[in-house]
Amino acid sequence: MHVFNIIKATTDNIPDIQEIINETWEPTYRNIISPAQIEYMHHEIYQTGALQKQMAEGQRFFILYLNEVPVGFASYSPHEGHTYKLNKLYLKPSYQGQGFGRLLIHHVEQDAKERGGKFLILNVNRHNNARQIYERIGFKVIKEEDIPIGPYWMNDYVMQKAITAEE
């Protein structure tokens, strides 16, 4: 029997976030960006100090545990007005395709709604197959965006979903 639990992460949970990232980051991006960019972004975004800073600046992290093992996480933050941004969503490869990503997104949506959120946006690389997954759960592409990250670029779609009955 599988017992899952989603908790709001604190700095004490950073090792669990890093464990998930260490298993997911390279397989997620190996066919999308260069190994050098993968390494650069991994260091810039997921070193302990960077994660502490993201949390201190208001990014809310949630970790999904299955039988007390960290298997995935999501983070989001306020964006503009009543819009919130899903910044990160990662599941260990062996747990993908089983509905856990939907559970995490649903948890983020509920949390954002409680804070007055009406829309959730996210960025997804234009070559990432996750776009189709996001579309199946109600996100729509609203624009393209090219974002400089150090000496590299992320070429993304910005996707949006209404998270309340009001539009």
C-alpha atoms as a PDB file:
ATOM      1  CA  MET A   1       0.000   0.000   0.000  1.00  0.00           C
ATOM      2  CA  HIS A   2       1.300   3.432  -0.959  1.00  0.00           C
ATOM      3  CA  VAL A   3       0.986   6.249   1.538  1.00  0.00           C
ATOM      4  CA  PHE A   4       1.681   9.698   0.142  1.00  0.00           C
ATOM      5  CA  ASN A   5       2.018  12.984   1.924  1.00  0.00           C
ATOM      6  CA  ILE A   6       2.637  16.504   0.620  1.00  0.00           C
ATOM      7  CA  ILE A   7       4.335  18.899   3.017  1.00  0.00           C
ATOM      8  CA  LYS A   8       5.333  22.555   2.829  1.00  0.00           C
ATOM      9  CA  ALA A   9       9.115  22.474   2.691  1.00  0.00           C
ATOM     10  CA  THR A  10      11.420  24.511   4.901  1.00  0.00           C
ATOM     11  CA  THR A  11      15.168  24.930   4.732  1.00  0.00           C
ATOM     12  CA  ASP A  12      15.383  21.679   6.724  1.00  0.00           C
ATOM     13  CA  ASN A  13      13.970  19.894   3.648  1.00  0.00           C
ATOM     14  CA  ILE A  14      16.571  21.222   1.195  1.00  0.00           C
ATOM     15  CA  PRO A  15      18.480  17.887   1.165  1.00  0.00           C
ATOM     16  CA  ASP A  16      15.276  16.142   0.000  1.00  0.00           C
ATOM     17  CA  ILE A  17      14.774  18.716  -2.775  1.00  0.00           C
ATOM     18  CA  GLN A  18      18.398  18.236  -3.839  1.00  0.00           C
ATOM     19  CA  GLU A  19      17.980  14.439  -3.813  1.00  0.00           C
ATOM     20  CA  ILE A  20      15.029  14.744  -6.201  1.00  0.00           C
ATOM     21  CA  ILE A  21      16.880  17.203  -8.448  1.00  0.00           C
ATOM     22  CA  ASN A  22      20.012  15.054  -8.547  1.00  0.00           C
ATOM     23  CA  GLU A  23      17.921  12.239 -10.040  1.00  0.00           C
ATOM     24  CA  THR A  24      15.791  14.357 -12.381  1.00  0.00           C
ATOM     25  CA  TRP A  25      17.741  17.364 -13.657  1.00  0.00           C
ATOM     26  CA  GLU A  26      20.096  15.739 -16.155  1.00  0.00           C
ATOM     27  CA  PRO A  27      17.568  13.239 -17.621  1.00  0.00           C
ATOM     28  CA  THR A  28      15.002  16.038 -18.000  1.00  0.00           C
ATOM     29  CA  TYR A  29      17.304  18.352 -19.944  1.00  0.00           C
ATOM     30  CA  ARG A  30      19.901  16.104 -21.650  1.00  0.00           C
ATOM     31  CA  ASN A  31      18.139  16.301 -25.036  1.00  0.00           C
ATOM     32  CA  ILE A  32      17.182  19.967 -24.701  1.00  0.00           C
ATOM     33  CA  ILE A  33      20.237  21.948 -23.542  1.00  0.00           C
ATOM     34  CA  SER A  34      23.995  21.391 -23.471  1.00  0.00           C
ATOM     35  CA  PRO A  35      25.745  19.519 -20.645  1.00  0.00           C
ATOM     36  CA  ALA A  36      27.533  22.764 -19.714  1.00  0.00           C
ATOM     37  CA  GLN A  37      24.221  24.625 -19.414  1.00  0.00           C
ATOM     38  CA  ILE A  38      22.717  21.757 -17.385  1.00  0.00           C
ATOM     39  CA  GLU A  39      25.616  21.952 -14.935  1.00  0.00           C
ATOM     40  CA  TYR A  40      25.546  25.754 -14.760  1.00  0.00           C
ATOM     41  CA  MET A  41      21.806  25.971 -14.086  1.00  0.00           C
ATOM     42  CA  HIS A  42      21.871  23.080 -11.606  1.00  0.00           C
ATOM     43  CA  HIS A  43      24.536  24.894  -9.608  1.00  0.00           C
ATOM     44  CA  GLU A  44      22.860  28.318  -9.841  1.00  0.00           C
ATOM     45  CA  ILE A  45      19.371  27.142  -8.882  1.00  0.00           C
ATOM     46  CA  TYR A  46      19.827  24.158  -6.573  1.00  0.00           C
ATOM     47  CA  GLN A  47      22.854  24.749  -4.384  1.00  0.00           C
ATOM     48  CA  THR A  48      21.822  25.090  -0.732  1.00  0.00           C
ATOM     49  CA  GLY A  49      22.339  28.863  -0.574  1.00  0.00           C
ATOM     50  CA  ALA A  50      20.284  29.412  -3.750  1.00  0.00           C
ATOM     51  CA  LEU A  51      17.387  27.346  -2.404  1.00  0.00           C
ATOM     52  CA  GLN A  52      17.535  29.157   0.955  1.00  0.00           C
ATOM     53  CA  LYS A  53      17.362  32.484  -0.897  1.00  0.00           C
ATOM     54  CA  GLN A  54      14.389  31.358  -3.013  1.00  0.00           C
ATOM     55  CA  MET A  55      12.520  30.325   0.133  1.00  0.00           C
ATOM     56  CA  ALA A  56      13.411  33.577   1.921  1.00  0.00           C
ATOM     57  CA  GLU A  57      12.112  35.567  -1.068  1.00  0.00           C
ATOM     58  CA  GLY A  58       8.686  33.924  -0.826  1.00  0.00           C
ATOM     59  CA  GLN A  59       8.878  30.911  -3.091  1.00  0.00           C
ATOM     60  CA  ARG A  60       6.733  28.170  -1.519  1.00  0.00           C
ATOM     61  CA  PHE A  61       8.039  24.621  -1.922  1.00  0.00           C
ATOM     62  CA  PHE A  62       6.005  21.449  -1.476  1.00  0.00           C
ATOM     63  CA  ILE A  63       7.520  17.976  -1.357  1.00  0.00           C
ATOM     64  CA  LEU A  64       5.631  14.786  -2.162  1.00  0.00           C
ATOM     65  CA  TYR A  65       6.669  11.816  -0.053  1.00  0.00           C
ATOM     66  CA  LEU A  66       5.624   8.304  -0.958  1.00  0.00           C
ATOM     67  CA  ASN A  67       6.084   5.865   1.927  1.00  0.00           C
ATOM     68  CA  GLU A  68       8.289   8.545   3.533  1.00  0.00           C
ATOM     69  CA  VAL A  69      10.606   8.719   0.473  1.00  0.00           C
ATOM     70  CA  PRO A  70      10.858  12.122  -1.280  1.00  0.00           C
ATOM     71  CA  VAL A  71       9.738  11.503  -4.871  1.00  0.00           C
ATOM     72  CA  GLY A  72       8.845  14.945  -6.214  1.00  0.00           C
ATOM     73  CA  PHE A  73       8.462  18.625  -5.462  1.00  0.00           C
ATOM     74  CA  ALA A  74       6.892  21.787  -6.766  1.00  0.00           C
ATOM     75  CA  SER A  75       7.446  25.449  -5.996  1.00  0.00           C
ATOM     76  CA  TYR A  76       5.480  28.566  -6.802  1.00  0.00           C
ATOM     77  CA  SER A  77       5.418  32.267  -5.993  1.00  0.00           C
ATOM     78  CA  PRO A  78       3.289  35.380  -6.520  1.00  0.00           C
ATOM     79  CA  HIS A  79       3.655  36.825 -10.010  1.00  0.00           C
ATOM     80  CA  GLU A  80       1.414  39.775 -10.916  1.00  0.00           C
ATOM     81  CA  GLY A  81      -1.969  40.700  -9.523  1.00  0.00           C
ATOM     82  CA  HIS A  82      -3.943  37.524  -8.910  1.00  0.00           C
ATOM     83  CA  THR A  83      -1.516  35.393 -10.909  1.00  0.00           C
ATOM     84  CA  TYR A  84       0.938  32.951  -9.365  1.00  0.00           C
ATOM     85  CA  LYS A  85       3.840  31.244 -11.090  1.00  0.00           C
ATOM     86  CA  LEU A  86       4.671  27.550 -10.892  1.00  0.00           C
ATOM     87  CA  ASN A  87       8.456  27.822 -10.830  1.00  0.00           C
ATOM     88  CA  LYS A  88       9.425  24.177 -10.506  1.00  0.00           C
ATOM     89  CA  LEU A  89       7.850  20.745 -10.817  1.00  0.00           C
ATOM     90  CA  TYR A  90      10.054  17.659 -10.744  1.00  0.00           C
ATOM     91  CA  LEU A  91       9.441  13.983 -10.087  1.00  0.00           C
ATOM     92  CA  LYS A  92      12.063  11.274  -9.863  1.00  0.00           C
ATOM     93  CA  PRO A  93      11.996   9.405 -13.209  1.00  0.00           C
ATOM     94  CA  SER A  94      10.710   6.142 -11.712  1.00  0.00           C
ATOM     95  CA  TYR A  95       7.631   7.991 -10.359  1.00  0.00           C
ATOM     96  CA  GLN A  96       6.711   9.875 -13.520  1.00  0.00           C
ATOM     97  CA  GLY A  97       3.540   9.010 -15.422  1.00  0.00           C
ATOM     98  CA  GLN A  98       1.670   7.852 -12.312  1.00  0.00           C
ATOM     99  CA  GLY A  99      -0.342  10.992 -11.519  1.00  0.00           C
ATOM    100  CA  PHE A 100       2.002  12.387  -8.862  1.00  0.00           C
ATOM    101  CA  GLY A 101       2.720  15.515 -10.915  1.00  0.00           C
ATOM    102  CA  ARG A 102      -1.015  16.209 -11.082  1.00  0.00           C
ATOM    103  CA  LEU A 103      -1.229  15.799  -7.301  1.00  0.00           C
ATOM    104  CA  LEU A 104       1.528  18.370  -6.807  1.00  0.00           C
ATOM    105  CA  ILE A 105       0.015  20.828  -9.289  1.00  0.00           C
ATOM    106  CA  HIS A 106      -3.407  20.427  -7.689  1.00  0.00           C
ATOM    107  CA  HIS A 107      -1.839  21.117  -4.286  1.00  0.00           C
ATOM    108  CA  VAL A 108      -0.173  24.285  -5.633  1.00  0.00           C
ATOM    109  CA  GLU A 109      -3.459  25.397  -7.245  1.00  0.00           C
ATOM    110  CA  GLN A 110      -5.350  24.979  -3.963  1.00  0.00           C
ATOM    111  CA  ASP A 111      -2.663  26.812  -2.004  1.00  0.00           C
ATOM    112  CA  ALA A 112      -2.597  29.669  -4.541  1.00  0.00           C
ATOM    113  CA  LYS A 113      -6.415  29.897  -4.494  1.00  0.00           C
ATOM    114  CA  GLU A 114      -6.312  30.281  -0.713  1.00  0.00           C
ATOM    115  CA  ARG A 115      -4.038  33.289  -1.301  1.00  0.00           C
ATOM    116  CA  GLY A 116      -6.442  34.905  -3.766  1.00  0.00           C
ATOM    117  CA  GLY A 117      -4.945  33.415  -6.909  1.00  0.00           C
ATOM    118  CA  LYS A 118      -7.024  33.299 -10.069  1.00  0.00           C
ATOM    119  CA  PHE A 119      -4.393  32.133 -12.555  1.00  0.00           C
ATOM    120  CA  LEU A 120      -1.340  29.914 -12.497  1.00  0.00           C
ATOM    121  CA  ILE A 121       1.381  30.405 -15.100  1.00  0.00           C
ATOM    122  CA  LEU A 122       4.517  28.420 -15.835  1.00  0.00           C
ATOM    123  CA  ASN A 123       7.424  28.372 -18.237  1.00  0.00           C
ATOM    124  CA  VAL A 124       8.310  25.213 -20.126  1.00  0.00           C
ATOM    125  CA  ASN A 125      11.175  24.837 -22.569  1.00  0.00           C
ATOM    126  CA  ARG A 126       9.894  24.817 -26.152  1.00  0.00           C
ATOM    127  CA  HIS A 127      11.562  21.413 -26.687  1.00  0.00           C
ATOM    128  CA  ASN A 128      10.281  19.818 -23.469  1.00  0.00           C
ATOM    129  CA  ASN A 129       7.578  17.176 -23.940  1.00  0.00           C
ATOM    130  CA  ALA A 130       6.069  18.272 -20.603  1.00  0.00           C
ATOM    131  CA  ARG A 131       4.171  20.902 -22.613  1.00  0.00           C
ATOM    132  CA  GLN A 132       1.679  18.227 -23.702  1.00  0.00           C
ATOM    133  CA  ILE A 133       1.209  17.098 -20.091  1.00  0.00           C
ATOM    134  CA  TYR A 134       0.466  20.657 -18.995  1.00  0.00           C
ATOM    135  CA  GLU A 135      -2.005  21.076 -21.877  1.00  0.00           C
ATOM    136  CA  ARG A 136      -3.877  17.914 -20.809  1.00  0.00           C
ATOM    137  CA  ILE A 137      -4.490  19.425 -17.366  1.00  0.00           C
ATOM    138  CA  GLY A 138      -5.771  22.747 -18.662  1.00  0.00           C
ATOM    139  CA  PHE A 139      -2.757  24.974 -19.340  1.00  0.00           C
ATOM    140  CA  LYS A 140      -2.629  26.923 -22.610  1.00  0.00           C
ATOM    141  CA  VAL A 141       0.347  28.560 -24.314  1.00  0.00           C
ATOM    142  CA  ILE A 142      -0.053  32.335 -24.070  1.00  0.00           C
ATOM    143  CA  LYS A 143       3.327  33.435 -25.448  1.00  0.00           C
ATOM    144  CA  GLU A 144       6.952  32.531 -26.149  1.00  0.00           C
ATOM    145  CA  GLU A 145       9.775  33.920 -24.036  1.00  0.00           C
ATOM    146  CA  ASP A 146      13.584  33.807 -24.304  1.00  0.00           C
ATOM    147  CA  ILE A 147      15.274  34.195 -20.924  1.00  0.00           C
ATOM    148  CA  PRO A 148      19.017  34.792 -20.391  1.00  0.00           C
ATOM    149  CA  ILE A 149      20.519  32.615 -17.660  1.00  0.00           C
ATOM    150  CA  GLY A 150      24.165  33.516 -17.218  1.00  0.00           C
ATOM    151  CA  PRO A 151      25.831  32.934 -20.590  1.00  0.00           C
ATOM    152  CA  TYR A 152      22.912  30.738 -21.774  1.00  0.00           C
ATOM    153  CA  TRP A 153      19.325  31.120 -22.953  1.00  0.00           C
ATOM    154  CA  MET A 154      16.134  29.319 -22.047  1.00  0.00           C
ATOM    155  CA  ASN A 155      13.692  29.280 -24.948  1.00  0.00           C
ATOM    156  CA  ASP A 156      10.308  28.793 -23.310  1.00  0.00           C
ATOM    157  CA  TYR A 157       6.580  28.787 -23.767  1.00  0.00           C
ATOM    158  CA  VAL A 158       4.639  30.634 -21.093  1.00  0.00           C
ATOM    159  CA  MET A 159       1.505  28.668 -20.247  1.00  0.00           C
ATOM    160  CA  GLN A 160      -1.485  29.737 -18.155  1.00  0.00           C
ATOM    161  CA  LYS A 161      -4.433  28.090 -16.448  1.00  0.00           C
ATOM    162  CA  ALA A 162      -7.398  29.614 -14.606  1.00  0.00           C
ATOM    163  CA  ILE A 163      -7.506  28.184 -11.085  1.00  0.00           C
ATOM    164  CA  THR A 164     -10.893  29.604 -10.094  1.00  0.00           C
ATOM    165  CA  ALA A 165     -14.258  29.463 -11.768  1.00  0.00           C
ATOM    166  CA  GLU A 166     -13.890  33.183 -12.569  1.00  0.00           C
ATOM    167  CA  GLU A 167     -11.933  34.286 -15.622  1.00  0.00           C
END
